[in-house]
Amino acid sequence: MSRAQYQKAAKRIYWIVSIWTVVFASGAAWLVEVFGASIGAYGRFIRGHLGEPLGGAASGLTLGAAAFLVWLGVALVLDRRFGLRCPHCHRSLTVRALPHRVFQTGHCALCHGRAFDEA
């Protein structure tokens, strides 16, 4: 693989993850619209039992963490499916391994093995 091929693949995975983010945000907005009353009732229930500051933080963290885990899980699957792997350690070269450093140095940011040929 050359630098140009790596750069093209890195751009492709970033577009794929960006599209996933838009789809996820749209779905989340729709879910909030549909289940807004239930979400509000959950927030009032937690704030009523834990107090305003702690209850707001707890309800925000529980809902936000769950949403983040869903987004992250799908993003990692997309990286595994469409991203590039290091030929030495087989970890991601496109999302989780500082792709700007991989592009500049030509080496995997995790194992420091040669990621692509200098052609």
PDB file of N, CA and C in Angstrom:
ATOM      1  N   MET A   1       0.854  -1.169   0.000  1.00  0.00           N
ATOM      2  CA  MET A   1       0.000   0.000   0.000  1.00  0.00           C
ATOM      3  C   MET A   1       0.902   1.234   0.000  1.00  0.00           C
ATOM      4  N   SER A   2       0.503   2.225  -0.779  1.00  0.00           N
ATOM      5  CA  SER A   2       1.259   3.477  -0.856  1.00  0.00           C
ATOM      6  C   SER A   2       0.602   4.544   0.019  1.00  0.00           C
ATOM      7  N   ARG A   3       1.281   5.696   0.159  1.00  0.00           N
ATOM      8  CA  ARG A   3       0.712   6.816   0.910  1.00  0.00           C
ATOM      9  C   ARG A   3      -0.593   7.286   0.293  1.00  0.00           C
ATOM     10  N   ALA A   4      -0.643   7.353  -1.024  1.00  0.00           N
ATOM     11  CA  ALA A   4      -1.855   7.817  -1.699  1.00  0.00           C
ATOM     12  C   ALA A   4      -3.018   6.867  -1.440  1.00  0.00           C
ATOM     13  N   GLN A   5      -2.757   5.571  -1.473  1.00  0.00           N
ATOM     14  CA  GLN A   5      -3.815   4.597  -1.186  1.00  0.00           C
ATOM     15  C   GLN A   5      -4.271   4.710   0.267  1.00  0.00           C
ATOM     16  N   TYR A   6      -3.304   4.916   1.172  1.00  0.00           N
ATOM     17  CA  TYR A   6      -3.656   5.079   2.578  1.00  0.00           C
ATOM     18  C   TYR A   6      -4.512   6.323   2.774  1.00  0.00           C
ATOM     19  N   GLN A   7      -4.105   7.427   2.167  1.00  0.00           N
ATOM     20  CA  GLN A   7      -4.857   8.675   2.322  1.00  0.00           C
ATOM     21  C   GLN A   7      -6.277   8.523   1.774  1.00  0.00           C
ATOM     22  N   LYS A   8      -6.418   7.839   0.658  1.00  0.00           N
ATOM     23  CA  LYS A   8      -7.741   7.622   0.075  1.00  0.00           C
ATOM     24  C   LYS A   8      -8.608   6.760   1.004  1.00  0.00           C
ATOM     25  N   ALA A   9      -8.033   5.705   1.565  1.00  0.00           N
ATOM     26  CA  ALA A   9      -8.785   4.830   2.472  1.00  0.00           C
ATOM     27  C   ALA A   9      -9.139   5.561   3.765  1.00  0.00           C
ATOM     28  N   ALA A  10      -8.238   6.388   4.275  1.00  0.00           N
ATOM     29  CA  ALA A  10      -8.515   7.135   5.509  1.00  0.00           C
ATOM     30  C   ALA A  10      -9.652   8.129   5.275  1.00  0.00           C
ATOM     31  N   LYS A  11      -9.650   8.794   4.137  1.00  0.00           N
ATOM     32  CA  LYS A  11     -10.745   9.720   3.830  1.00  0.00           C
ATOM     33  C   LYS A  11     -12.057   8.971   3.696  1.00  0.00           C
ATOM     34  N   ARG A  12     -12.014   7.788   3.083  1.00  0.00           N
ATOM     35  CA  ARG A  12     -13.236   6.990   2.909  1.00  0.00           C
ATOM     36  C   ARG A  12     -13.836   6.615   4.262  1.00  0.00           C
ATOM     37  N   ILE A  13     -13.019   6.159   5.214  1.00  0.00           N
ATOM     38  CA  ILE A  13     -13.565   5.757   6.511  1.00  0.00           C
ATOM     39  C   ILE A  13     -14.072   6.962   7.278  1.00  0.00           C
ATOM     40  N   TYR A  14     -13.438   8.117   7.133  1.00  0.00           N
ATOM     41  CA  TYR A  14     -13.944   9.297   7.817  1.00  0.00           C
ATOM     42  C   TYR A  14     -15.282   9.739   7.249  1.00  0.00           C
ATOM     43  N   TRP A  15     -15.473   9.601   5.945  1.00  0.00           N
ATOM     44  CA  TRP A  15     -16.778   9.910   5.363  1.00  0.00           C
ATOM     45  C   TRP A  15     -17.829   8.911   5.845  1.00  0.00           C
ATOM     46  N   ILE A  16     -17.466   7.655   5.932  1.00  0.00           N
ATOM     47  CA  ILE A  16     -18.411   6.633   6.398  1.00  0.00           C
ATOM     48  C   ILE A  16     -18.818   6.912   7.843  1.00  0.00           C
ATOM     49  N   VAL A  17     -17.847   7.222   8.708  1.00  0.00           N
ATOM     50  CA  VAL A  17     -18.167   7.515  10.109  1.00  0.00           C
ATOM     51  C   VAL A  17     -18.957   8.821  10.214  1.00  0.00           C
ATOM     52  N   SER A  18     -18.667   9.788   9.362  1.00  0.00           N
ATOM     53  CA  SER A  18     -19.434  11.037   9.369  1.00  0.00           C
ATOM     54  C   SER A  18     -20.884  10.794   8.974  1.00  0.00           C
ATOM     55  N   ILE A  19     -21.094   9.980   7.973  1.00  0.00           N
ATOM     56  CA  ILE A  19     -22.467   9.646   7.558  1.00  0.00           C
ATOM     57  C   ILE A  19     -23.175   8.896   8.686  1.00  0.00           C
ATOM     58  N   TRP A  20     -22.472   7.967   9.348  1.00  0.00           N
ATOM     59  CA  TRP A  20     -23.060   7.257  10.482  1.00  0.00           C
ATOM     60  C   TRP A  20     -23.440   8.241  11.585  1.00  0.00           C
ATOM     61  N   THR A  21     -22.609   9.249  11.834  1.00  0.00           N
ATOM     62  CA  THR A  21     -22.903  10.232  12.868  1.00  0.00           C
ATOM     63  C   THR A  21     -24.165  11.018  12.540  1.00  0.00           C
ATOM     64  N   VAL A  22     -24.342  11.401  11.289  1.00  0.00           N
ATOM     65  CA  VAL A  22     -25.549  12.128  10.878  1.00  0.00           C
ATOM     66  C   VAL A  22     -26.778  11.233  11.022  1.00  0.00           C
ATOM     67  N   VAL A  23     -26.658   9.983  10.604  1.00  0.00           N
ATOM     68  CA  VAL A  23     -27.778   9.042  10.733  1.00  0.00           C
ATOM     69  C   VAL A  23     -28.115   8.830  12.212  1.00  0.00           C
ATOM     70  N   PHE A  24     -27.091   8.666  13.041  1.00  0.00           N
ATOM     71  CA  PHE A  24     -27.300   8.459  14.473  1.00  0.00           C
ATOM     72  C   PHE A  24     -27.962   9.683  15.106  1.00  0.00           C
ATOM     73  N   ALA A  25     -27.475  10.873  14.777  1.00  0.00           N
ATOM     74  CA  ALA A  25     -28.048  12.097  15.354  1.00  0.00           C
ATOM     75  C   ALA A  25     -29.495  12.273  14.911  1.00  0.00           C
ATOM     76  N   SER A  26     -29.784  11.951  13.664  1.00  0.00           N
ATOM     77  CA  SER A  26     -31.165  12.048  13.181  1.00  0.00           C
ATOM     78  C   SER A  26     -32.063  11.056  13.918  1.00  0.00           C
ATOM     79  N   GLY A  27     -31.577   9.843  14.090  1.00  0.00           N
ATOM     80  CA  GLY A  27     -32.344   8.843  14.828  1.00  0.00           C
ATOM     81  C   GLY A  27     -32.536   9.235  16.277  1.00  0.00           C
ATOM     82  N   ALA A  28     -31.500   9.795  16.882  1.00  0.00           N
ATOM     83  CA  ALA A  28     -31.613  10.227  18.276  1.00  0.00           C
ATOM     84  C   ALA A  28     -32.612  11.373  18.405  1.00  0.00           C
ATOM     85  N   ALA A  29     -32.585  12.300  17.463  1.00  0.00           N
ATOM     86  CA  ALA A  29     -33.552  13.410  17.498  1.00  0.00           C
ATOM     87  C   ALA A  29     -34.976  12.885  17.347  1.00  0.00           C
ATOM     88  N   TRP A  30     -35.155  11.904  16.466  1.00  0.00           N
ATOM     89  CA  TRP A  30     -36.476  11.317  16.287  1.00  0.00           C
ATOM     90  C   TRP A  30     -36.918  10.603  17.572  1.00  0.00           C
ATOM     91  N   LEU A  31     -36.014   9.852  18.204  1.00  0.00           N
ATOM     92  CA  LEU A  31     -36.357   9.158  19.446  1.00  0.00           C
ATOM     93  C   LEU A  31     -36.714  10.136  20.561  1.00  0.00           C
ATOM     94  N   VAL A  32     -35.997  11.252  20.641  1.00  0.00           N
ATOM     95  CA  VAL A  32     -36.324  12.262  21.643  1.00  0.00           C
ATOM     96  C   VAL A  32     -37.697  12.853  21.362  1.00  0.00           C
ATOM     97  N   GLU A  33     -38.013  13.063  20.094  1.00  0.00           N
ATOM     98  CA  GLU A  33     -39.334  13.589  19.731  1.00  0.00           C
ATOM     99  C   GLU A  33     -40.434  12.602  20.113  1.00  0.00           C
ATOM    100  N   VAL A  34     -40.215  11.336  19.851  1.00  0.00           N
ATOM    101  CA  VAL A  34     -41.234  10.313  20.124  1.00  0.00           C
ATOM    102  C   VAL A  34     -41.340  10.016  21.623  1.00  0.00           C
ATOM    103  N   PHE A  35     -40.203   9.880  22.282  1.00  0.00           N
ATOM    104  CA  PHE A  35     -40.200   9.479  23.686  1.00  0.00           C
ATOM    105  C   PHE A  35     -39.860  10.627  24.619  1.00  0.00           C
ATOM    106  N   GLY A  36     -40.054  11.858  24.199  1.00  0.00           N
ATOM    107  CA  GLY A  36     -39.700  13.026  25.005  1.00  0.00           C
ATOM    108  C   GLY A  36     -40.396  13.061  26.350  1.00  0.00           C
ATOM    109  N   ALA A  37     -41.665  12.684  26.381  1.00  0.00           N
ATOM    110  CA  ALA A  37     -42.398  12.699  27.651  1.00  0.00           C
ATOM    111  C   ALA A  37     -41.821  11.680  28.627  1.00  0.00           C
ATOM    112  N   SER A  38     -41.476  10.510  28.128  1.00  0.00           N
ATOM    113  CA  SER A  38     -40.892   9.472  28.993  1.00  0.00           C
ATOM    114  C   SER A  38     -39.511   9.878  29.476  1.00  0.00           C
ATOM    115  N   ILE A  39     -38.722  10.491  28.603  1.00  0.00           N
ATOM    116  CA  ILE A  39     -37.390  10.951  28.988  1.00  0.00           C
ATOM    117  C   ILE A  39     -37.499  12.043  30.050  1.00  0.00           C
ATOM    118  N   GLY A  40     -38.456  12.958  29.855  1.00  0.00           N
ATOM    119  CA  GLY A  40     -38.678  14.010  30.849  1.00  0.00           C
ATOM    120  C   GLY A  40     -39.127  13.455  32.186  1.00  0.00           C
ATOM    121  N   ALA A  41     -40.005  12.459  32.165  1.00  0.00           N
ATOM    122  CA  ALA A  41     -40.460  11.843  33.401  1.00  0.00           C
ATOM    123  C   ALA A  41     -39.314  11.134  34.120  1.00  0.00           C
ATOM    124  N   TYR A  42     -38.451  10.480  33.353  1.00  0.00           N
ATOM    125  CA  TYR A  42     -37.270   9.823  33.933  1.00  0.00           C
ATOM    126  C   TYR A  42     -36.365  10.864  34.597  1.00  0.00           C
ATOM    127  N   GLY A  43     -36.125  11.962  33.908  1.00  0.00           N
ATOM    128  CA  GLY A  43     -35.294  13.028  34.464  1.00  0.00           C
ATOM    129  C   GLY A  43     -35.886  13.615  35.737  1.00  0.00           C
ATOM    130  N   ARG A  44     -37.195  13.866  35.744  1.00  0.00           N
ATOM    131  CA  ARG A  44     -37.851  14.398  36.947  1.00  0.00           C
ATOM    132  C   ARG A  44     -37.781  13.397  38.098  1.00  0.00           C
ATOM    133  N   PHE A  45     -37.946  12.117  37.796  1.00  0.00           N
ATOM    134  CA  PHE A  45     -37.881  11.073  38.818  1.00  0.00           C
ATOM    135  C   PHE A  45     -36.490  11.028  39.461  1.00  0.00           C
ATOM    136  N   ILE A  46     -35.456  11.019  38.638  1.00  0.00           N
ATOM    137  CA  ILE A  46     -34.083  10.956  39.160  1.00  0.00           C
ATOM    138  C   ILE A  46     -33.752  12.230  39.942  1.00  0.00           C
ATOM    139  N   ARG A  47     -34.115  13.395  39.399  1.00  0.00           N
ATOM    140  CA  ARG A  47     -33.831  14.653  40.100  1.00  0.00           C
ATOM    141  C   ARG A  47     -34.610  14.740  41.405  1.00  0.00           C
ATOM    142  N   GLY A  48     -35.815  14.174  41.444  1.00  0.00           N
ATOM    143  CA  GLY A  48     -36.607  14.178  42.675  1.00  0.00           C
ATOM    144  C   GLY A  48     -35.979  13.331  43.771  1.00  0.00           C
ATOM    145  N   HIS A  49     -35.297  12.270  43.401  1.00  0.00           N
ATOM    146  CA  HIS A  49     -34.695  11.385  44.393  1.00  0.00           C
ATOM    147  C   HIS A  49     -33.265  11.768  44.762  1.00  0.00           C
ATOM    148  N   LEU A  50     -32.547  12.378  43.834  1.00  0.00           N
ATOM    149  CA  LEU A  50     -31.143  12.690  44.096  1.00  0.00           C
ATOM    150  C   LEU A  50     -30.872  14.181  44.270  1.00  0.00           C
ATOM    151  N   GLY A  51     -31.865  14.993  44.063  1.00  0.00           N
ATOM    152  CA  GLY A  51     -31.644  16.434  44.115  1.00  0.00           C
ATOM    153  C   GLY A  51     -31.353  16.964  42.715  1.00  0.00           C
ATOM    154  N   GLU A  52     -31.497  18.257  42.561  1.00  0.00           N
ATOM    155  CA  GLU A  52     -31.389  18.864  41.238  1.00  0.00           C
ATOM    156  C   GLU A  52     -30.008  18.683  40.585  1.00  0.00           C
ATOM    157  N   PRO A  53     -28.902  19.085  41.216  1.00  0.00           N
ATOM    158  CA  PRO A  53     -27.612  18.974  40.517  1.00  0.00           C
ATOM    159  C   PRO A  53     -27.176  17.526  40.285  1.00  0.00           C
ATOM    160  N   LEU A  54     -27.226  16.710  41.329  1.00  0.00           N
ATOM    161  CA  LEU A  54     -26.786  15.326  41.200  1.00  0.00           C
ATOM    162  C   LEU A  54     -27.741  14.513  40.323  1.00  0.00           C
ATOM    163  N   GLY A  55     -29.031  14.758  40.461  1.00  0.00           N
ATOM    164  CA  GLY A  55     -30.012  14.054  39.641  1.00  0.00           C
ATOM    165  C   GLY A  55     -29.896  14.410  38.174  1.00  0.00           C
ATOM    166  N   GLY A  56     -29.656  15.690  37.880  1.00  0.00           N
ATOM    167  CA  GLY A  56     -29.461  16.091  36.486  1.00  0.00           C
ATOM    168  C   GLY A  56     -28.227  15.453  35.893  1.00  0.00           C
ATOM    169  N   ALA A  57     -27.154  15.416  36.673  1.00  0.00           N
ATOM    170  CA  ALA A  57     -25.923  14.785  36.186  1.00  0.00           C
ATOM    171  C   ALA A  57     -26.123  13.281  35.981  1.00  0.00           C
ATOM    172  N   ALA A  58     -26.789  12.634  36.927  1.00  0.00           N
ATOM    173  CA  ALA A  58     -27.001  11.185  36.827  1.00  0.00           C
ATOM    174  C   ALA A  58     -27.881  10.828  35.639  1.00  0.00           C
ATOM    175  N   SER A  59     -28.976  11.558  35.444  1.00  0.00           N
ATOM    176  CA  SER A  59     -29.853  11.236  34.316  1.00  0.00           C
ATOM    177  C   SER A  59     -29.164  11.551  32.991  1.00  0.00           C
ATOM    178  N   GLY A  60     -28.415  12.647  32.945  1.00  0.00           N
ATOM    179  CA  GLY A  60     -27.684  12.967  31.715  1.00  0.00           C
ATOM    180  C   GLY A  60     -26.611  11.945  31.386  1.00  0.00           C
ATOM    181  N   LEU A  61     -25.906  11.490  32.417  1.00  0.00           N
ATOM    182  CA  LEU A  61     -24.863  10.491  32.189  1.00  0.00           C
ATOM    183  C   LEU A  61     -25.438   9.144  31.770  1.00  0.00           C
ATOM    184  N   THR A  62     -26.545   8.739  32.384  1.00  0.00           N
ATOM    185  CA  THR A  62     -27.100   7.432  32.007  1.00  0.00           C
ATOM    186  C   THR A  62     -27.616   7.445  30.575  1.00  0.00           C
ATOM    187  N   LEU A  63     -28.315   8.499  30.194  1.00  0.00           N
ATOM    188  CA  LEU A  63     -28.827   8.566  28.821  1.00  0.00           C
ATOM    189  C   LEU A  63     -27.702   8.843  27.825  1.00  0.00           C
ATOM    190  N   GLY A  64     -26.790   9.740  28.189  1.00  0.00           N
ATOM    191  CA  GLY A  64     -25.696  10.092  27.281  1.00  0.00           C
ATOM    192  C   GLY A  64     -24.705   8.958  27.094  1.00  0.00           C
ATOM    193  N   ALA A  65     -24.392   8.250  28.174  1.00  0.00           N
ATOM    194  CA  ALA A  65     -23.439   7.143  28.070  1.00  0.00           C
ATOM    195  C   ALA A  65     -24.002   6.019  27.211  1.00  0.00           C
ATOM    196  N   ALA A  66     -25.279   5.733  27.374  1.00  0.00           N
ATOM    197  CA  ALA A  66     -25.889   4.685  26.556  1.00  0.00           C
ATOM    198  C   ALA A  66     -25.865   5.066  25.078  1.00  0.00           C
ATOM    199  N   ALA A  67     -26.200   6.299  24.779  1.00  0.00           N
ATOM    200  CA  ALA A  67     -26.178   6.753  23.387  1.00  0.00           C
ATOM    201  C   ALA A  67     -24.761   6.717  22.833  1.00  0.00           C
ATOM    202  N   PHE A  68     -23.782   7.158  23.620  1.00  0.00           N
ATOM    203  CA  PHE A  68     -22.398   7.146  23.159  1.00  0.00           C
ATOM    204  C   PHE A  68     -21.907   5.734  22.889  1.00  0.00           C
ATOM    205  N   LEU A  69     -22.263   4.787  23.754  1.00  0.00           N
ATOM    206  CA  LEU A  69     -21.829   3.406  23.558  1.00  0.00           C
ATOM    207  C   LEU A  69     -22.408   2.809  22.280  1.00  0.00           C
ATOM    208  N   VAL A  70     -23.655   3.143  21.959  1.00  0.00           N
ATOM    209  CA  VAL A  70     -24.246   2.676  20.703  1.00  0.00           C
ATOM    210  C   VAL A  70     -23.493   3.273  19.526  1.00  0.00           C
ATOM    211  N   TRP A  71     -23.264   4.603  19.568  1.00  0.00           N
ATOM    212  CA  TRP A  71     -22.542   5.258  18.464  1.00  0.00           C
ATOM    213  C   TRP A  71     -21.147   4.657  18.306  1.00  0.00           C
ATOM    214  N   LEU A  72     -20.420   4.509  19.406  1.00  0.00           N
ATOM    215  CA  LEU A  72     -19.054   3.996  19.363  1.00  0.00           C
ATOM    216  C   LEU A  72     -19.002   2.562  18.863  1.00  0.00           C
ATOM    217  N   GLY A  73     -19.919   1.734  19.313  1.00  0.00           N
ATOM    218  CA  GLY A  73     -19.942   0.344  18.868  1.00  0.00           C
ATOM    219  C   GLY A  73     -20.106   0.227  17.365  1.00  0.00           C
ATOM    220  N   VAL A  74     -21.020   0.991  16.804  1.00  0.00           N
ATOM    221  CA  VAL A  74     -21.222   0.940  15.355  1.00  0.00           C
ATOM    222  C   VAL A  74     -20.031   1.558  14.629  1.00  0.00           C
ATOM    223  N   ALA A  75     -19.472   2.648  15.158  1.00  0.00           N
ATOM    224  CA  ALA A  75     -18.309   3.271  14.514  1.00  0.00           C
ATOM    225  C   ALA A  75     -17.121   2.315  14.478  1.00  0.00           C
ATOM    226  N   LEU A  76     -16.909   1.552  15.536  1.00  0.00           N
ATOM    227  CA  LEU A  76     -15.802   0.597  15.548  1.00  0.00           C
ATOM    228  C   LEU A  76     -16.043  -0.560  14.586  1.00  0.00           C
ATOM    229  N   VAL A  77     -17.285  -0.992  14.462  1.00  0.00           N
ATOM    230  CA  VAL A  77     -17.609  -2.037  13.485  1.00  0.00           C
ATOM    231  C   VAL A  77     -17.373  -1.512  12.070  1.00  0.00           C
ATOM    232  N   LEU A  78     -17.766  -0.271  11.805  1.00  0.00           N
ATOM    233  CA  LEU A  78     -17.519   0.322  10.490  1.00  0.00           C
ATOM    234  C   LEU A  78     -16.020   0.427  10.214  1.00  0.00           C
ATOM    235  N   ASP A  79     -15.241   0.801  11.219  1.00  0.00           N
ATOM    236  CA  ASP A  79     -13.789   0.859  11.040  1.00  0.00           C
ATOM    237  C   ASP A  79     -13.225  -0.520  10.757  1.00  0.00           C
ATOM    238  N   ARG A  80     -13.705  -1.516  11.472  1.00  0.00           N
ATOM    239  CA  ARG A  80     -13.230  -2.876  11.245  1.00  0.00           C
ATOM    240  C   ARG A  80     -13.578  -3.355   9.842  1.00  0.00           C
ATOM    241  N   ARG A  81     -14.750  -2.957   9.351  1.00  0.00           N
ATOM    242  CA  ARG A  81     -15.207  -3.421   8.037  1.00  0.00           C
ATOM    243  C   ARG A  81     -14.567  -2.645   6.887  1.00  0.00           C
ATOM    244  N   PHE A  82     -14.460  -1.313   7.011  1.00  0.00           N
ATOM    245  CA  PHE A  82     -14.019  -0.487   5.897  1.00  0.00           C
ATOM    246  C   PHE A  82     -12.648   0.152   6.092  1.00  0.00           C
ATOM    247  N   GLY A  83     -12.101   0.110   7.300  1.00  0.00           N
ATOM    248  CA  GLY A  83     -10.821   0.750   7.573  1.00  0.00           C
ATOM    249  C   GLY A  83      -9.641  -0.125   7.197  1.00  0.00           C
ATOM    250  N   LEU A  84      -8.449   0.361   7.499  1.00  0.00           N
ATOM    251  CA  LEU A  84      -7.221  -0.361   7.198  1.00  0.00           C
ATOM    252  C   LEU A  84      -6.605  -0.908   8.471  1.00  0.00           C
ATOM    253  N   ARG A  85      -5.879  -1.995   8.339  1.00  0.00           N
ATOM    254  CA  ARG A  85      -5.219  -2.645   9.457  1.00  0.00           C
ATOM    255  C   ARG A  85      -3.712  -2.612   9.260  1.00  0.00           C
ATOM    256  N   CYS A  86      -2.998  -2.543  10.366  1.00  0.00           N
ATOM    257  CA  CYS A  86      -1.541  -2.627  10.338  1.00  0.00           C
ATOM    258  C   CYS A  86      -1.155  -4.044   9.926  1.00  0.00           C
ATOM    259  N   PRO A  87      -0.193  -4.186   9.020  1.00  0.00           N
ATOM    260  CA  PRO A  87       0.199  -5.547   8.620  1.00  0.00           C
ATOM    261  C   PRO A  87       0.933  -6.307   9.728  1.00  0.00           C
ATOM    262  N   HIS A  88       1.385  -5.615  10.768  1.00  0.00           N
ATOM    263  CA  HIS A  88       2.144  -6.271  11.840  1.00  0.00           C
ATOM    264  C   HIS A  88       1.267  -6.608  13.050  1.00  0.00           C
ATOM    265  N   CYS A  89       0.595  -5.596  13.604  1.00  0.00           N
ATOM    266  CA  CYS A  89      -0.188  -5.833  14.827  1.00  0.00           C
ATOM    267  C   CYS A  89      -1.685  -5.990  14.544  1.00  0.00           C
ATOM    268  N   HIS A  90      -2.104  -5.744  13.315  1.00  0.00           N
ATOM    269  CA  HIS A  90      -3.497  -5.904  12.872  1.00  0.00           C
ATOM    270  C   HIS A  90      -4.482  -4.990  13.586  1.00  0.00           C
ATOM    271  N   ARG A  91      -4.000  -3.868  14.110  1.00  0.00           N
ATOM    272  CA  ARG A  91      -4.894  -2.877  14.704  1.00  0.00           C
ATOM    273  C   ARG A  91      -5.229  -1.827  13.662  1.00  0.00           C
ATOM    274  N   SER A  92      -6.229  -1.023  13.967  1.00  0.00           N
ATOM    275  CA  SER A  92      -6.707  -0.030  13.017  1.00  0.00           C
ATOM    276  C   SER A  92      -5.640   1.015  12.717  1.00  0.00           C
ATOM    277  N   LEU A  93      -5.501   1.345  11.441  1.00  0.00           N
ATOM    278  CA  LEU A  93      -4.632   2.438  11.017  1.00  0.00           C
ATOM    279  C   LEU A  93      -5.430   3.674  10.653  1.00  0.00           C
ATOM    280  N   THR A  94      -6.749   3.561  10.629  1.00  0.00           N
ATOM    281  CA  THR A  94      -7.559   4.666  10.126  1.00  0.00           C
ATOM    282  C   THR A  94      -8.286   5.449  11.202  1.00  0.00           C
ATOM    283  N   VAL A  95      -8.752   4.836  12.260  1.00  0.00           N
ATOM    284  CA  VAL A  95      -9.544   5.573  13.238  1.00  0.00           C
ATOM    285  C   VAL A  95      -8.844   5.666  14.592  1.00  0.00           C
ATOM    286  N   ARG A  96      -8.372   4.572  15.112  1.00  0.00           N
ATOM    287  CA  ARG A  96      -7.882   4.555  16.496  1.00  0.00           C
ATOM    288  C   ARG A  96      -6.369   4.657  16.620  1.00  0.00           C
ATOM    289  N   ALA A  97      -5.658   5.049  15.584  1.00  0.00           N
ATOM    290  CA  ALA A  97      -4.201   5.009  15.656  1.00  0.00           C
ATOM    291  C   ALA A  97      -3.551   6.295  15.148  1.00  0.00           C
ATOM    292  N   LEU A  98      -4.142   7.455  15.437  1.00  0.00           N
ATOM    293  CA  LEU A  98      -3.582   8.736  15.023  1.00  0.00           C
ATOM    294  C   LEU A  98      -3.214   8.731  13.537  1.00  0.00           C
ATOM    295  N   PRO A  99      -4.213   8.728  12.656  1.00  0.00           N
ATOM    296  CA  PRO A  99      -3.944   8.585  11.225  1.00  0.00           C
ATOM    297  C   PRO A  99      -3.053   9.677  10.650  1.00  0.00           C
ATOM    298  N   HIS A 100      -3.074  10.880  11.238  1.00  0.00           N
ATOM    299  CA  HIS A 100      -2.174  11.920  10.728  1.00  0.00           C
ATOM    300  C   HIS A 100      -0.715  11.532  10.968  1.00  0.00           C
ATOM    301  N   ARG A 101      -0.438  10.877  12.089  1.00  0.00           N
ATOM    302  CA  ARG A 101       0.925  10.430  12.376  1.00  0.00           C
ATOM    303  C   ARG A 101       1.314   9.266  11.467  1.00  0.00           C
ATOM    304  N   VAL A 102       0.377   8.368  11.220  1.00  0.00           N
ATOM    305  CA  VAL A 102       0.644   7.247  10.320  1.00  0.00           C
ATOM    306  C   VAL A 102       0.960   7.777   8.926  1.00  0.00           C
ATOM    307  N   PHE A 103       0.201   8.761   8.478  1.00  0.00           N
ATOM    308  CA  PHE A 103       0.438   9.320   7.149  1.00  0.00           C
ATOM    309  C   PHE A 103       1.784  10.025   7.076  1.00  0.00           C
ATOM    310  N   GLN A 104       2.158  10.769   8.100  1.00  0.00           N
ATOM    311  CA  GLN A 104       3.421  11.512   8.091  1.00  0.00           C
ATOM    312  C   GLN A 104       4.639  10.594   8.178  1.00  0.00           C
ATOM    313  N   THR A 105       4.577   9.607   9.063  1.00  0.00           N
ATOM    314  CA  THR A 105       5.758   8.786   9.306  1.00  0.00           C
ATOM    315  C   THR A 105       5.801   7.515   8.470  1.00  0.00           C
ATOM    316  N   GLY A 106       4.636   7.008   8.074  1.00  0.00           N
ATOM    317  CA  GLY A 106       4.596   5.740   7.363  1.00  0.00           C
ATOM    318  C   GLY A 106       4.666   4.531   8.277  1.00  0.00           C
ATOM    319  N   HIS A 107       4.558   4.771   9.591  1.00  0.00           N
ATOM    320  CA  HIS A 107       4.641   3.686  10.570  1.00  0.00           C
ATOM    321  C   HIS A 107       3.370   3.649  11.415  1.00  0.00           C
ATOM    322  N   CYS A 108       3.018   2.466  11.867  1.00  0.00           N
ATOM    323  CA  CYS A 108       1.881   2.291  12.764  1.00  0.00           C
ATOM    324  C   CYS A 108       2.160   3.043  14.057  1.00  0.00           C
ATOM    325  N   ALA A 109       1.178   3.781  14.545  1.00  0.00           N
ATOM    326  CA  ALA A 109       1.349   4.548  15.776  1.00  0.00           C
ATOM    327  C   ALA A 109       1.353   3.647  17.012  1.00  0.00           C
ATOM    328  N   LEU A 110       0.904   2.415  16.880  1.00  0.00           N
ATOM    329  CA  LEU A 110       0.829   1.519  18.034  1.00  0.00           C
ATOM    330  C   LEU A 110       2.049   0.607  18.150  1.00  0.00           C
ATOM    331  N   CYS A 111       2.411  -0.086  17.063  1.00  0.00           N
ATOM    332  CA  CYS A 111       3.539  -1.022  17.139  1.00  0.00           C
ATOM    333  C   CYS A 111       4.790  -0.483  16.452  1.00  0.00           C
ATOM    334  N   HIS A 112       4.678   0.638  15.759  1.00  0.00           N
ATOM    335  CA  HIS A 112       5.773   1.307  15.054  1.00  0.00           C
ATOM    336  C   HIS A 112       6.330   0.485  13.900  1.00  0.00           C
ATOM    337  N   GLY A 113       5.566  -0.491  13.429  1.00  0.00           N
ATOM    338  CA  GLY A 113       5.958  -1.240  12.242  1.00  0.00           C
ATOM    339  C   GLY A 113       5.670  -0.424  10.990  1.00  0.00           C
ATOM    340  N   ARG A 114       6.347  -0.763   9.893  1.00  0.00           N
ATOM    341  CA  ARG A 114       6.129  -0.049   8.644  1.00  0.00           C
ATOM    342  C   ARG A 114       4.699  -0.308   8.158  1.00  0.00           C
ATOM    343  N   ALA A 115       3.946   0.762   7.959  1.00  0.00           N
ATOM    344  CA  ALA A 115       2.540   0.635   7.593  1.00  0.00           C
ATOM    345  C   ALA A 115       2.345   0.532   6.083  1.00  0.00           C
ATOM    346  N   PHE A 116       3.152   1.263   5.317  1.00  0.00           N
ATOM    347  CA  PHE A 116       3.033   1.177   3.869  1.00  0.00           C
ATOM    348  C   PHE A 116       4.355   1.445   3.210  1.00  0.00           C
ATOM    349  N   ASP A 117       4.445   1.047   1.937  1.00  0.00           N
ATOM    350  CA  ASP A 117       5.679   1.199   1.177  1.00  0.00           C
ATOM    351  C   ASP A 117       5.904   2.649   0.803  1.00  0.00           C
ATOM    352  N   GLU A 118       7.148   3.040   0.750  1.00  0.00           N
ATOM    353  CA  GLU A 118       7.512   4.385   0.328  1.00  0.00           C
ATOM    354  C   GLU A 118       7.737   4.375  -1.178  1.00  0.00           C
ATOM    355  N   ALA A 119       6.649   4.460  -1.917  1.00  0.00           N
ATOM    356  CA  ALA A 119       6.783   4.417  -3.379  1.00  0.00           C
ATOM    357  C   ALA A 119       6.321   5.716  -4.007  1.00  0.00           C
TER     358      ALA A 119
END
